[in-house]
């Protein structure tokens, strides 16, 4: 490998959503840093099969309000 062009590869701790931890090598942060996951295989719908709708900041309500009239005909 060419010296000086590759990122530092070191050991970090990864914390899953349920609190379990494991150590892995990564370029993330500094040696000994902790990476806390918001989504992992135990909580993501792709692996759990459970769908849930998150309405962040009323985005779903805004969408429904904006497109409520689509598909209805006005008589006139």
Protein backbone atom coordinates (compact mmCIF):
# COMPACT_ATOMS: atom_id res chain seq x y z
CA UNK A 1 0.00 0.00 0.00
CA UNK A 2 1.05 3.53 -0.64
CA UNK A 3 1.90 5.26 2.66
CA UNK A 4 0.00 8.33 3.84
CA UNK A 5 -3.12 8.02 1.64
CA UNK A 6 -5.22 5.48 3.56
CA UNK A 7 -7.44 6.32 6.55
CA UNK A 8 -6.60 5.04 10.01
CA UNK A 9 -8.19 1.61 10.53
CA UNK A 10 -8.79 0.92 14.23
CA UNK A 11 -11.04 -0.89 16.69
CA UNK A 12 -14.39 0.66 17.76
CA UNK A 13 -17.38 -0.54 19.77
CA UNK A 14 -20.78 -0.82 18.06
CA UNK A 15 -23.89 -0.63 20.27
CA UNK A 16 -27.06 -2.16 18.82
CA UNK A 17 -30.56 -0.77 19.49
CA UNK A 18 -31.17 -3.38 22.22
CA UNK A 19 -27.94 -2.45 24.03
CA UNK A 20 -25.78 -5.38 22.95
CA UNK A 21 -22.24 -4.45 21.96
CA UNK A 22 -19.53 -5.84 19.72
CA UNK A 23 -16.09 -4.69 18.65
CA UNK A 24 -15.09 -4.27 15.02
CA UNK A 25 -12.45 -2.54 12.93
CA UNK A 26 -13.47 0.67 11.18
CA UNK A 27 -12.38 4.06 9.87
CA UNK A 28 -15.11 5.71 12.00
CA UNK A 29 -13.94 8.21 14.63
CA UNK A 30 -10.92 7.55 16.80
CA UNK A 31 -9.65 4.31 18.35
CA UNK A 32 -11.99 3.25 21.17
CA UNK A 33 -14.97 5.36 19.99
CA UNK A 34 -18.53 4.03 20.29
CA UNK A 35 -20.98 3.91 17.38
CA UNK A 36 -24.62 3.75 18.56
CA UNK A 37 -27.04 2.42 15.96
CA UNK A 38 -30.55 3.88 15.54
CA UNK A 39 -31.65 1.04 13.25
CA UNK A 40 -30.35 -2.50 13.06
CA UNK A 41 -31.54 -5.98 12.08
CA UNK A 42 -33.59 -6.28 15.28
CA UNK A 43 -35.59 -3.08 14.69
CA UNK A 44 -35.71 -2.49 10.90
CA UNK A 45 -38.92 -3.55 9.08
CA UNK A 46 -36.93 -5.21 6.29
CA UNK A 47 -35.77 -7.87 8.77
CA UNK A 48 -38.60 -7.89 11.31
CA UNK A 49 -41.51 -7.87 8.85
CA UNK A 50 -43.35 -5.32 11.00
CA UNK A 51 -44.26 -2.09 9.27
CA UNK A 52 -44.85 1.08 11.24
CA UNK A 53 -45.63 4.54 9.98
CA UNK A 54 -43.58 7.39 11.37
CA UNK A 55 -45.12 10.83 10.98
CA UNK A 56 -42.10 13.06 11.36
CA UNK A 57 -43.20 16.65 11.72
CA UNK A 58 -46.66 16.02 10.26
CA UNK A 59 -45.35 14.97 6.83
CA UNK A 60 -48.11 12.39 6.35
CA UNK A 61 -50.81 14.87 7.38
CA UNK A 62 -49.33 17.49 5.04
CA UNK A 63 -49.31 14.98 2.17
CA UNK A 64 -52.92 13.93 2.83
CA UNK A 65 -54.07 17.55 2.99
CA UNK A 66 -52.25 18.47 -0.22
CA UNK A 67 -53.54 15.54 -2.25
CA UNK A 68 -56.96 15.02 -0.64
CA UNK A 69 -58.83 16.14 -3.75
CA UNK A 70 -56.96 13.93 -6.23
CA UNK A 71 -59.25 11.41 -7.87
CA UNK A 72 -62.51 13.19 -7.06
CA UNK A 73 -64.44 14.92 -9.80
CA UNK A 74 -66.09 18.25 -9.40
CA UNK A 75 -69.56 18.55 -10.89
CA UNK A 76 -70.13 21.71 -12.65
